[in-house]
Amino acid sequence: MTNDEIQKLTFEEAMRELEKLVDGLDKGDISLDEAIAAYDRGSQLKDYCQKKLNEAKMKVETIQSSESVDTIPEKLSPFKLD
């Protein structure tokens, strides 16, 4: 699977593929060459999943930030001039 193909996956698809690779490596029923290829592909999938999680985190933080700008927290009272 090339990096371009990985970019077309959803987060969930990439995680399932990564889980399959880890399970195969854990079982130890693959050759050394297959294990190296699986490790390489798994590393690419992990990076992709991390990127997707970071993007989601940034979106949530942006939403939370925009919501907090639009409302005045209850703990703050309006500033009054004497």
C-alpha atoms as a PDB file:
ATOM      1  CA  MET A   1       0.000   0.000   0.000  1.00  0.00           C
ATOM      2  CA  THR A   2       1.497   3.294  -1.063  1.00  0.00           C
ATOM      3  CA  ASN A   3       1.319   6.516   0.916  1.00  0.00           C
ATOM      4  CA  ASP A   4      -1.213   7.876  -1.602  1.00  0.00           C
ATOM      5  CA  GLU A   5      -3.418   4.832  -0.995  1.00  0.00           C
ATOM      6  CA  ILE A   6      -3.165   5.349   2.757  1.00  0.00           C
ATOM      7  CA  GLN A   7      -4.281   8.973   2.357  1.00  0.00           C
ATOM      8  CA  LYS A   8      -7.523   7.730   0.769  1.00  0.00           C
ATOM      9  CA  LEU A   9      -8.418   5.609   3.818  1.00  0.00           C
ATOM     10  CA  THR A  10     -10.731   6.742   6.555  1.00  0.00           C
ATOM     11  CA  PHE A  11      -9.323   6.852  10.056  1.00  0.00           C
ATOM     12  CA  GLU A  12     -11.289   3.720  10.949  1.00  0.00           C
ATOM     13  CA  GLU A  13     -10.029   1.794   7.912  1.00  0.00           C
ATOM     14  CA  ALA A  14      -6.440   2.735   8.704  1.00  0.00           C
ATOM     15  CA  MET A  15      -6.864   1.648  12.336  1.00  0.00           C
ATOM     16  CA  ARG A  16      -8.319  -1.729  11.292  1.00  0.00           C
ATOM     17  CA  GLU A  17      -5.397  -2.295   8.912  1.00  0.00           C
ATOM     18  CA  LEU A  18      -2.936  -1.317  11.622  1.00  0.00           C
ATOM     19  CA  GLU A  19      -4.602  -3.694  14.091  1.00  0.00           C
ATOM     20  CA  LYS A  20      -4.354  -6.553  11.569  1.00  0.00           C
ATOM     21  CA  LEU A  21      -0.651  -5.855  11.067  1.00  0.00           C
ATOM     22  CA  VAL A  22       0.009  -5.772  14.806  1.00  0.00           C
ATOM     23  CA  ASP A  23      -1.913  -9.017  15.320  1.00  0.00           C
ATOM     24  CA  GLY A  24       0.109 -10.702  12.556  1.00  0.00           C
ATOM     25  CA  LEU A  25       3.374  -9.489  14.047  1.00  0.00           C
ATOM     26  CA  ASP A  26       2.322 -10.579  17.542  1.00  0.00           C
ATOM     27  CA  LYS A  27       1.522 -14.092  16.325  1.00  0.00           C
ATOM     28  CA  GLY A  28       4.962 -14.351  14.760  1.00  0.00           C
ATOM     29  CA  ASP A  29       3.707 -16.504  11.881  1.00  0.00           C
ATOM     30  CA  ILE A  30       5.227 -14.345   9.134  1.00  0.00           C
ATOM     31  CA  SER A  31       8.680 -14.309   7.615  1.00  0.00           C
ATOM     32  CA  LEU A  32      11.301 -11.721   8.461  1.00  0.00           C
ATOM     33  CA  ASP A  33      10.811  -9.955   5.117  1.00  0.00           C
ATOM     34  CA  GLU A  34       7.046  -9.844   5.663  1.00  0.00           C
ATOM     35  CA  ALA A  35       7.577  -8.549   9.195  1.00  0.00           C
ATOM     36  CA  ILE A  36       9.812  -5.743   7.929  1.00  0.00           C
ATOM     37  CA  ALA A  37       7.253  -4.795   5.272  1.00  0.00           C
ATOM     38  CA  ALA A  38       4.450  -4.943   7.857  1.00  0.00           C
ATOM     39  CA  TYR A  39       6.434  -2.755  10.234  1.00  0.00           C
ATOM     40  CA  ASP A  40       7.055  -0.195   7.486  1.00  0.00           C
ATOM     41  CA  ARG A  41       3.397  -0.129   6.449  1.00  0.00           C
ATOM     42  CA  GLY A  42       2.311  -0.023  10.094  1.00  0.00           C
ATOM     43  CA  SER A  43       4.550   2.968  10.696  1.00  0.00           C
ATOM     44  CA  GLN A  44       2.938   4.800   7.763  1.00  0.00           C
ATOM     45  CA  LEU A  45      -0.540   3.904   9.024  1.00  0.00           C
ATOM     46  CA  LYS A  46       0.319   5.059  12.534  1.00  0.00           C
ATOM     47  CA  ASP A  47       1.578   8.407  11.228  1.00  0.00           C
ATOM     48  CA  TYR A  48      -1.586   8.830   9.159  1.00  0.00           C
ATOM     49  CA  CYS A  49      -3.834   8.017  12.132  1.00  0.00           C
ATOM     50  CA  GLN A  50      -1.893  10.424  14.339  1.00  0.00           C
ATOM     51  CA  LYS A  51      -2.273  13.149  11.714  1.00  0.00           C
ATOM     52  CA  LYS A  52      -6.031  12.546  11.555  1.00  0.00           C
ATOM     53  CA  LEU A  53      -6.318  12.667  15.361  1.00  0.00           C
ATOM     54  CA  ASN A  54      -4.342  15.915  15.486  1.00  0.00           C
ATOM     55  CA  GLU A  55      -6.615  17.426  12.831  1.00  0.00           C
ATOM     56  CA  ALA A  56      -9.703  16.390  14.798  1.00  0.00           C
ATOM     57  CA  LYS A  57      -8.229  17.825  18.005  1.00  0.00           C
ATOM     58  CA  MET A  58      -7.537  21.141  16.281  1.00  0.00           C
ATOM     59  CA  LYS A  59     -11.119  21.280  14.974  1.00  0.00           C
ATOM     60  CA  VAL A  60     -12.530  20.626  18.447  1.00  0.00           C
ATOM     61  CA  GLU A  61     -10.255  23.261  19.983  1.00  0.00           C
ATOM     62  CA  THR A  62     -11.297  25.751  17.300  1.00  0.00           C
ATOM     63  CA  ILE A  63     -14.973  25.058  17.984  1.00  0.00           C
ATOM     64  CA  GLN A  64     -14.473  25.364  21.742  1.00  0.00           C
ATOM     65  CA  SER A  65     -12.469  28.550  21.290  1.00  0.00           C
ATOM     66  CA  SER A  66     -15.119  30.161  19.082  1.00  0.00           C
ATOM     67  CA  GLU A  67     -17.843  29.170  21.533  1.00  0.00           C
ATOM     68  CA  SER A  68     -16.002  30.707  24.476  1.00  0.00           C
ATOM     69  CA  VAL A  69     -15.493  33.994  22.611  1.00  0.00           C
ATOM     70  CA  ASP A  70     -19.222  34.316  21.943  1.00  0.00           C
ATOM     71  CA  THR A  71     -20.260  33.853  25.577  1.00  0.00           C
ATOM     72  CA  ILE A  72     -19.254  35.560  28.787  1.00  0.00           C
ATOM     73  CA  PRO A  73     -18.400  33.085  31.503  1.00  0.00           C
ATOM     74  CA  GLU A  74     -20.824  33.228  34.438  1.00  0.00           C
ATOM     75  CA  LYS A  75     -17.981  33.782  36.911  1.00  0.00           C
ATOM     76  CA  LEU A  76     -17.142  37.138  35.338  1.00  0.00           C
ATOM     77  CA  SER A  77     -19.258  40.173  36.037  1.00  0.00           C
ATOM     78  CA  PRO A  78     -19.524  43.074  33.625  1.00  0.00           C
ATOM     79  CA  PHE A  79     -17.054  45.868  34.182  1.00  0.00           C
ATOM     80  CA  LYS A  80     -18.706  48.940  35.681  1.00  0.00           C
ATOM     81  CA  LEU A  81     -17.333  52.458  35.519  1.00  0.00           C
ATOM     82  CA  ASP A  82     -17.893  54.583  38.619  1.00  0.00           C
END
